[in-house]
Amino acid sequence: MLQAASVSRASWKTALERTVAPLTGGAQSLKVNGWRPAGREQQRPRRTAAVLVAILDGEMPQLVLTKRAQHLNQHAGQVAFPGGSVDESDQSGVRTALREAEEEIGLDPSRAEVLGFLDRIDTVSDFRVLPVVALIPAGTVFVPDHNEVESVFTLPLERALDLAAWAPTRIHRRGATRTIHSMRWDGHVIWGVTAGILRNLAERYRLLGQSADAAQSS
């Protein structure tokens, strides 16, 4: 398993590549997680979105997160990945994620090495979100668009992959009860869809480790 201080860059990158779903498989075959509004559980969300799960390359890999601007009508001040709705002009979810990251945090799409996907996730705001995982160079300078983003910060990948670091909470909303998870980091609270995406990454990584352990013991 990942111990960033002691594992080489090549080793954790290889593990990450094996953790995500490959681009060649496409997005439609991916599992769908998340929470649909009460009464709409059997309906497909009306809107589609994609987010960029960007990871700063290096021996101490870091996930790139944003704090949304306070004046926004939806999810104001919440922690999120760069991303947004799929436009008709977008050729794929990958294109959407890269375009939105360029608009929101000034990331040059040509500097992103796209590795694959995580499972899709449905939201109570009626979106189906595709997480696109990519490596970007260490030392990348971000230029947030303050119309959408208040700030950009990073979370150690090692921390996000630690399932014990996620605190469970039972909530009641819109006629349903479920468990959500959250994490506090550097003055931020990571929860909701963002937490769901990160926990999916952590669960996939855990299963990869279990498979490796089983192979070694057989």
C-alpha atoms as a PDB file:
ATOM      1  CA  MET A   1       0.000   0.000   0.000  1.00  0.00           C
ATOM      2  CA  LEU A   2       1.025   3.600  -0.525  1.00  0.00           C
ATOM      3  CA  GLN A   3       3.480   5.016   1.976  1.00  0.00           C
ATOM      4  CA  ALA A   4       4.488   8.158   0.139  1.00  0.00           C
ATOM      5  CA  ALA A   5       7.671   8.783   2.078  1.00  0.00           C
ATOM      6  CA  SER A   6       9.093   5.358   1.286  1.00  0.00           C
ATOM      7  CA  VAL A   7       7.637   4.377  -2.105  1.00  0.00           C
ATOM      8  CA  SER A   8       9.172   5.559  -5.346  1.00  0.00           C
ATOM      9  CA  ARG A   9       7.255   7.704  -7.773  1.00  0.00           C
ATOM     10  CA  ALA A  10       7.217   4.853 -10.292  1.00  0.00           C
ATOM     11  CA  SER A  11       5.692   2.479  -7.728  1.00  0.00           C
ATOM     12  CA  TRP A  12       2.805   4.688  -6.624  1.00  0.00           C
ATOM     13  CA  LYS A  13       2.073   5.750 -10.195  1.00  0.00           C
ATOM     14  CA  THR A  14       1.853   2.101 -11.255  1.00  0.00           C
ATOM     15  CA  ALA A  15      -0.491   1.384  -8.346  1.00  0.00           C
ATOM     16  CA  LEU A  16      -2.636   4.379  -9.265  1.00  0.00           C
ATOM     17  CA  GLU A  17      -2.854   3.294 -12.896  1.00  0.00           C
ATOM     18  CA  ARG A  18      -4.072  -0.123 -11.735  1.00  0.00           C
ATOM     19  CA  THR A  19      -6.565   1.461  -9.327  1.00  0.00           C
ATOM     20  CA  VAL A  20      -8.494   3.563 -11.849  1.00  0.00           C
ATOM     21  CA  ALA A  21     -10.721   2.264 -14.642  1.00  0.00           C
ATOM     22  CA  PRO A  22      -8.861   2.482 -17.972  1.00  0.00           C
ATOM     23  CA  LEU A  23      -9.895   4.989 -20.610  1.00  0.00           C
ATOM     24  CA  THR A  24     -10.298   2.183 -23.136  1.00  0.00           C
ATOM     25  CA  GLY A  25     -13.256   0.758 -21.206  1.00  0.00           C
ATOM     26  CA  GLY A  26     -15.279   3.938 -21.618  1.00  0.00           C
ATOM     27  CA  ALA A  27     -17.484   5.617 -19.034  1.00  0.00           C
ATOM     28  CA  GLN A  28     -20.758   3.813 -19.727  1.00  0.00           C
ATOM     29  CA  SER A  29     -19.538   0.541 -18.208  1.00  0.00           C
ATOM     30  CA  LEU A  30     -18.646   2.146 -14.882  1.00  0.00           C
ATOM     31  CA  LYS A  31     -20.593   1.505 -11.702  1.00  0.00           C
ATOM     32  CA  VAL A  32     -22.886   4.308 -10.511  1.00  0.00           C
ATOM     33  CA  ASN A  33     -22.704   5.362  -6.855  1.00  0.00           C
ATOM     34  CA  GLY A  34     -24.300   8.289  -5.070  1.00  0.00           C
ATOM     35  CA  TRP A  35     -27.639   9.407  -3.772  1.00  0.00           C
ATOM     36  CA  ARG A  36     -30.671  10.180  -5.916  1.00  0.00           C
ATOM     37  CA  PRO A  37     -33.502  12.431  -4.665  1.00  0.00           C
ATOM     38  CA  ALA A  38     -36.393  10.574  -3.045  1.00  0.00           C
ATOM     39  CA  GLY A  39     -38.825   9.361  -5.690  1.00  0.00           C
ATOM     40  CA  ARG A  40     -36.240   9.534  -8.473  1.00  0.00           C
ATOM     41  CA  GLU A  41     -34.103   6.540  -7.552  1.00  0.00           C
ATOM     42  CA  GLN A  42     -35.012   4.676 -10.742  1.00  0.00           C
ATOM     43  CA  GLN A  43     -34.604   7.675 -13.042  1.00  0.00           C
ATOM     44  CA  ARG A  44     -31.398   8.684 -14.743  1.00  0.00           C
ATOM     45  CA  PRO A  45     -30.228  12.181 -13.749  1.00  0.00           C
ATOM     46  CA  ARG A  46     -31.199  14.832 -16.270  1.00  0.00           C
ATOM     47  CA  ARG A  47     -27.723  16.356 -16.447  1.00  0.00           C
ATOM     48  CA  THR A  48     -24.199  15.026 -16.938  1.00  0.00           C
ATOM     49  CA  ALA A  49     -20.983  16.493 -15.547  1.00  0.00           C
ATOM     50  CA  ALA A  50     -17.304  15.616 -15.243  1.00  0.00           C
ATOM     51  CA  VAL A  51     -14.641  16.599 -12.714  1.00  0.00           C
ATOM     52  CA  LEU A  52     -10.858  16.438 -12.813  1.00  0.00           C
ATOM     53  CA  VAL A  53      -9.239  14.470  -9.997  1.00  0.00           C
ATOM     54  CA  ALA A  54      -5.822  16.030 -10.539  1.00  0.00           C
ATOM     55  CA  ILE A  55      -2.798  14.672  -8.676  1.00  0.00           C
ATOM     56  CA  LEU A  56       0.447  16.596  -8.421  1.00  0.00           C
ATOM     57  CA  ASP A  57       3.213  14.257  -9.564  1.00  0.00           C
ATOM     58  CA  GLY A  58       6.185  13.554  -7.299  1.00  0.00           C
ATOM     59  CA  GLU A  59       7.348  11.414  -4.400  1.00  0.00           C
ATOM     60  CA  MET A  60       4.714  13.042  -2.146  1.00  0.00           C
ATOM     61  CA  PRO A  61       1.648  13.088  -4.446  1.00  0.00           C
ATOM     62  CA  GLN A  62      -1.037  15.664  -3.674  1.00  0.00           C
ATOM     63  CA  LEU A  63      -4.669  15.890  -4.783  1.00  0.00           C
ATOM     64  CA  VAL A  64      -5.808  19.276  -6.088  1.00  0.00           C
ATOM     65  CA  LEU A  65      -9.045  20.607  -4.585  1.00  0.00           C
ATOM     66  CA  THR A  66     -10.899  23.905  -4.722  1.00  0.00           C
ATOM     67  CA  LYS A  67     -13.074  25.873  -2.354  1.00  0.00           C
ATOM     68  CA  ARG A  68     -16.023  27.209  -4.297  1.00  0.00           C
ATOM     69  CA  ALA A  69     -16.776  30.935  -4.243  1.00  0.00           C
ATOM     70  CA  GLN A  70     -19.144  32.111  -1.519  1.00  0.00           C
ATOM     71  CA  HIS A  71     -21.487  33.976  -3.872  1.00  0.00           C
ATOM     72  CA  LEU A  72     -22.448  30.947  -5.969  1.00  0.00           C
ATOM     73  CA  ASN A  73     -26.084  29.844  -5.973  1.00  0.00           C
ATOM     74  CA  GLN A  74     -25.241  26.166  -5.463  1.00  0.00           C
ATOM     75  CA  HIS A  75     -22.702  24.545  -3.133  1.00  0.00           C
ATOM     76  CA  ALA A  76     -21.228  27.917  -2.153  1.00  0.00           C
ATOM     77  CA  GLY A  77     -18.057  27.636  -0.073  1.00  0.00           C
ATOM     78  CA  GLN A  78     -17.884  23.863  -0.399  1.00  0.00           C
ATOM     79  CA  VAL A  79     -14.823  21.822  -1.309  1.00  0.00           C
ATOM     80  CA  ALA A  80     -14.936  20.462  -4.854  1.00  0.00           C
ATOM     81  CA  PHE A  81     -12.879  19.166  -7.723  1.00  0.00           C
ATOM     82  CA  PRO A  82     -12.628  21.415 -10.778  1.00  0.00           C
ATOM     83  CA  GLY A  83     -15.451  20.420 -13.090  1.00  0.00           C
ATOM     84  CA  GLY A  84     -18.875  21.148 -14.475  1.00  0.00           C
ATOM     85  CA  SER A  85     -21.613  20.292 -16.923  1.00  0.00           C
ATOM     86  CA  VAL A  86     -20.886  18.541 -20.193  1.00  0.00           C
ATOM     87  CA  ASP A  87     -21.310  20.945 -23.121  1.00  0.00           C
ATOM     88  CA  GLU A  88     -22.605  19.886 -26.512  1.00  0.00           C
ATOM     89  CA  SER A  89     -19.225  20.855 -27.975  1.00  0.00           C
ATOM     90  CA  ASP A  90     -17.341  18.514 -25.631  1.00  0.00           C
ATOM     91  CA  GLN A  91     -16.233  15.352 -27.374  1.00  0.00           C
ATOM     92  CA  SER A  92     -16.015  13.369 -24.136  1.00  0.00           C
ATOM     93  CA  GLY A  93     -16.143  13.557 -20.366  1.00  0.00           C
ATOM     94  CA  VAL A  94     -12.358  13.845 -20.398  1.00  0.00           C
ATOM     95  CA  ARG A  95     -12.643  16.954 -22.533  1.00  0.00           C
ATOM     96  CA  THR A  96     -15.225  18.410 -20.143  1.00  0.00           C
ATOM     97  CA  ALA A  97     -13.029  17.830 -17.089  1.00  0.00           C
ATOM     98  CA  LEU A  98      -9.948  19.358 -18.731  1.00  0.00           C
ATOM     99  CA  ARG A  99     -11.883  22.343 -20.078  1.00  0.00           C
ATOM    100  CA  GLU A 100     -13.436  23.091 -16.707  1.00  0.00           C
ATOM    101  CA  ALA A 101     -10.082  22.773 -14.924  1.00  0.00           C
ATOM    102  CA  GLU A 102      -8.587  25.256 -17.366  1.00  0.00           C
ATOM    103  CA  GLU A 103     -11.453  27.681 -16.764  1.00  0.00           C
ATOM    104  CA  GLU A 104     -11.568  27.309 -12.980  1.00  0.00           C
ATOM    105  CA  ILE A 105      -7.919  26.982 -11.926  1.00  0.00           C
ATOM    106  CA  GLY A 106      -5.927  27.891 -15.048  1.00  0.00           C
ATOM    107  CA  LEU A 107      -4.601  24.379 -15.691  1.00  0.00           C
ATOM    108  CA  ASP A 108      -3.167  23.916 -19.185  1.00  0.00           C
ATOM    109  CA  PRO A 109      -4.876  20.747 -20.540  1.00  0.00           C
ATOM    110  CA  SER A 110      -1.693  19.727 -22.343  1.00  0.00           C
ATOM    111  CA  ARG A 111       0.051  19.331 -18.973  1.00  0.00           C
ATOM    112  CA  ALA A 112      -2.409  16.715 -17.717  1.00  0.00           C
ATOM    113  CA  GLU A 113      -1.633  13.020 -18.159  1.00  0.00           C
ATOM    114  CA  VAL A 114      -5.053  11.385 -18.017  1.00  0.00           C
ATOM    115  CA  LEU A 115      -4.897   7.934 -16.387  1.00  0.00           C
ATOM    116  CA  GLY A 116      -8.515   6.803 -16.306  1.00  0.00           C
ATOM    117  CA  PHE A 117     -11.839   7.048 -14.502  1.00  0.00           C
ATOM    118  CA  LEU A 118     -13.382   6.424 -11.117  1.00  0.00           C
ATOM    119  CA  ASP A 119     -16.954   5.200 -10.725  1.00  0.00           C
ATOM    120  CA  ARG A 120     -19.665   7.626 -11.719  1.00  0.00           C
ATOM    121  CA  ILE A 121     -21.660   9.264  -8.951  1.00  0.00           C
ATOM    122  CA  ASP A 122     -25.225  10.607  -8.933  1.00  0.00           C
ATOM    123  CA  THR A 123     -26.049  13.725  -6.930  1.00  0.00           C
ATOM    124  CA  VAL A 124     -29.121  15.111  -5.190  1.00  0.00           C
ATOM    125  CA  SER A 125     -28.886  18.107  -7.551  1.00  0.00           C
ATOM    126  CA  ASP A 126     -29.726  15.690 -10.402  1.00  0.00           C
ATOM    127  CA  PHE A 127     -26.297  15.277 -12.011  1.00  0.00           C
ATOM    128  CA  ARG A 128     -24.417  12.147 -12.996  1.00  0.00           C
ATOM    129  CA  VAL A 129     -20.731  12.978 -12.470  1.00  0.00           C
ATOM    130  CA  LEU A 130     -17.769  11.292 -14.152  1.00  0.00           C
ATOM    131  CA  PRO A 131     -14.461  11.616 -12.218  1.00  0.00           C
ATOM    132  CA  VAL A 132     -11.441  11.804 -14.544  1.00  0.00           C
ATOM    133  CA  VAL A 133      -8.081  11.041 -12.884  1.00  0.00           C
ATOM    134  CA  ALA A 134      -4.955  12.759 -14.189  1.00  0.00           C
ATOM    135  CA  LEU A 135      -1.379  13.483 -13.169  1.00  0.00           C
ATOM    136  CA  ILE A 136      -0.062  17.028 -13.447  1.00  0.00           C
ATOM    137  CA  PRO A 137       3.502  18.281 -12.903  1.00  0.00           C
ATOM    138  CA  ALA A 138       4.679  19.036  -9.374  1.00  0.00           C
ATOM    139  CA  GLY A 139       5.031  22.765  -8.901  1.00  0.00           C
ATOM    140  CA  THR A 140       2.105  23.631 -11.172  1.00  0.00           C
ATOM    141  CA  VAL A 141       0.913  27.175 -10.438  1.00  0.00           C
ATOM    142  CA  PHE A 142      -2.855  27.598 -10.291  1.00  0.00           C
ATOM    143  CA  VAL A 143      -4.737  30.750 -11.263  1.00  0.00           C
ATOM    144  CA  PRO A 144      -8.249  30.469  -9.828  1.00  0.00           C
ATOM    145  CA  ASP A 145     -11.166  32.189 -11.518  1.00  0.00           C
ATOM    146  CA  HIS A 146     -12.670  33.998  -8.541  1.00  0.00           C
ATOM    147  CA  ASN A 147     -16.059  34.056 -10.222  1.00  0.00           C
ATOM    148  CA  GLU A 148     -16.201  30.350  -9.393  1.00  0.00           C
ATOM    149  CA  VAL A 149     -13.304  29.471  -7.088  1.00  0.00           C
ATOM    150  CA  GLU A 150     -12.291  31.126  -3.831  1.00  0.00           C
ATOM    151  CA  SER A 151      -9.056  29.173  -3.401  1.00  0.00           C
ATOM    152  CA  VAL A 152      -7.069  26.106  -4.455  1.00  0.00           C
ATOM    153  CA  PHE A 153      -5.463  23.753  -1.933  1.00  0.00           C
ATOM    154  CA  THR A 154      -3.962  20.262  -1.851  1.00  0.00           C
ATOM    155  CA  LEU A 155      -4.609  17.078   0.099  1.00  0.00           C
ATOM    156  CA  PRO A 156      -1.944  14.370   0.407  1.00  0.00           C
ATOM    157  CA  LEU A 157      -2.954  11.335  -1.632  1.00  0.00           C
ATOM    158  CA  GLU A 158      -1.799   9.110   1.214  1.00  0.00           C
ATOM    159  CA  ARG A 159      -4.279  10.833   3.544  1.00  0.00           C
ATOM    160  CA  ALA A 160      -7.188  10.475   1.116  1.00  0.00           C
ATOM    161  CA  LEU A 161      -6.482   6.752   0.679  1.00  0.00           C
ATOM    162  CA  ASP A 162      -6.683   6.128   4.441  1.00  0.00           C
ATOM    163  CA  LEU A 163     -10.264   4.911   4.920  1.00  0.00           C
ATOM    164  CA  ALA A 164      -9.907   5.319   8.688  1.00  0.00           C
ATOM    165  CA  ALA A 165      -9.449   9.068   8.192  1.00  0.00           C
ATOM    166  CA  TRP A 166     -13.030   9.458   6.937  1.00  0.00           C
ATOM    167  CA  ALA A 167     -15.581  10.136   9.699  1.00  0.00           C
ATOM    168  CA  PRO A 168     -19.054   8.583   9.150  1.00  0.00           C
ATOM    169  CA  THR A 169     -22.256  10.527   9.891  1.00  0.00           C
ATOM    170  CA  ARG A 170     -25.886   9.413   9.592  1.00  0.00           C
ATOM    171  CA  ILE A 171     -28.091  12.049   7.968  1.00  0.00           C
ATOM    172  CA  HIS A 172     -31.790  12.334   7.128  1.00  0.00           C
ATOM    173  CA  ARG A 173     -32.611  14.242   3.965  1.00  0.00           C
ATOM    174  CA  ARG A 174     -35.475  14.352   1.504  1.00  0.00           C
ATOM    175  CA  GLY A 175     -37.195  11.344   2.982  1.00  0.00           C
ATOM    176  CA  ALA A 176     -34.136   9.098   3.113  1.00  0.00           C
ATOM    177  CA  THR A 177     -31.468   8.147   5.642  1.00  0.00           C
ATOM    178  CA  ARG A 178     -27.914   7.295   4.728  1.00  0.00           C
ATOM    179  CA  THR A 179     -24.327   7.427   5.945  1.00  0.00           C
ATOM    180  CA  ILE A 180     -22.032  10.086   4.560  1.00  0.00           C
ATOM    181  CA  HIS A 181     -18.332  10.552   5.235  1.00  0.00           C
ATOM    182  CA  SER A 182     -16.238  13.645   5.783  1.00  0.00           C
ATOM    183  CA  MET A 183     -12.681  14.669   6.502  1.00  0.00           C
ATOM    184  CA  ARG A 184     -11.158  17.826   7.963  1.00  0.00           C
ATOM    185  CA  TRP A 185      -7.953  19.026   6.364  1.00  0.00           C
ATOM    186  CA  ASP A 186      -6.105  22.336   6.628  1.00  0.00           C
ATOM    187  CA  GLY A 187      -9.202  24.189   7.817  1.00  0.00           C
ATOM    188  CA  HIS A 188     -11.468  22.645   5.173  1.00  0.00           C
ATOM    189  CA  VAL A 189     -14.272  20.110   5.509  1.00  0.00           C
ATOM    190  CA  ILE A 190     -14.353  17.622   2.636  1.00  0.00           C
ATOM    191  CA  TRP A 191     -17.748  15.960   2.299  1.00  0.00           C
ATOM    192  CA  GLY A 192     -20.596  15.278  -0.121  1.00  0.00           C
ATOM    193  CA  VAL A 193     -19.834  14.265  -3.695  1.00  0.00           C
ATOM    194  CA  THR A 194     -16.153  15.165  -3.309  1.00  0.00           C
ATOM    195  CA  ALA A 195     -15.827  12.821  -0.342  1.00  0.00           C
ATOM    196  CA  GLY A 196     -17.728  10.140  -2.246  1.00  0.00           C
ATOM    197  CA  ILE A 197     -15.285  10.348  -5.142  1.00  0.00           C
ATOM    198  CA  LEU A 198     -12.247  10.225  -2.870  1.00  0.00           C
ATOM    199  CA  ARG A 199     -13.611   7.275  -0.915  1.00  0.00           C
ATOM    200  CA  ASN A 200     -14.258   5.456  -4.177  1.00  0.00           C
ATOM    201  CA  LEU A 201     -10.589   6.002  -5.021  1.00  0.00           C
ATOM    202  CA  ALA A 202      -9.615   4.706  -1.569  1.00  0.00           C
ATOM    203  CA  GLU A 203     -11.886   1.648  -1.857  1.00  0.00           C
ATOM    204  CA  ARG A 204     -10.498   0.796  -5.279  1.00  0.00           C
ATOM    205  CA  TYR A 205      -6.979   1.128  -3.906  1.00  0.00           C
ATOM    206  CA  ARG A 206      -7.834  -1.107  -0.933  1.00  0.00           C
ATOM    207  CA  LEU A 207      -9.190  -3.798  -3.252  1.00  0.00           C
ATOM    208  CA  LEU A 208      -6.018  -3.582  -5.316  1.00  0.00           C
ATOM    209  CA  GLY A 209      -3.978  -4.178  -2.157  1.00  0.00           C
ATOM    210  CA  GLN A 210      -6.144  -7.148  -1.169  1.00  0.00           C
ATOM    211  CA  SER A 211      -5.704  -8.679  -4.614  1.00  0.00           C
ATOM    212  CA  ALA A 212      -1.939  -8.247  -4.381  1.00  0.00           C
ATOM    213  CA  ASP A 213      -1.868  -9.845  -0.913  1.00  0.00           C
ATOM    214  CA  ALA A 214      -3.958 -12.785  -2.129  1.00  0.00           C
ATOM    215  CA  ALA A 215      -1.654 -13.311  -5.098  1.00  0.00           C
ATOM    216  CA  GLN A 216       1.410 -13.347  -2.845  1.00  0.00           C
ATOM    217  CA  SER A 217      -0.111 -15.883  -0.444  1.00  0.00           C
ATOM    218  CA  SER A 218      -1.308 -18.278  -3.154  1.00  0.00           C
END
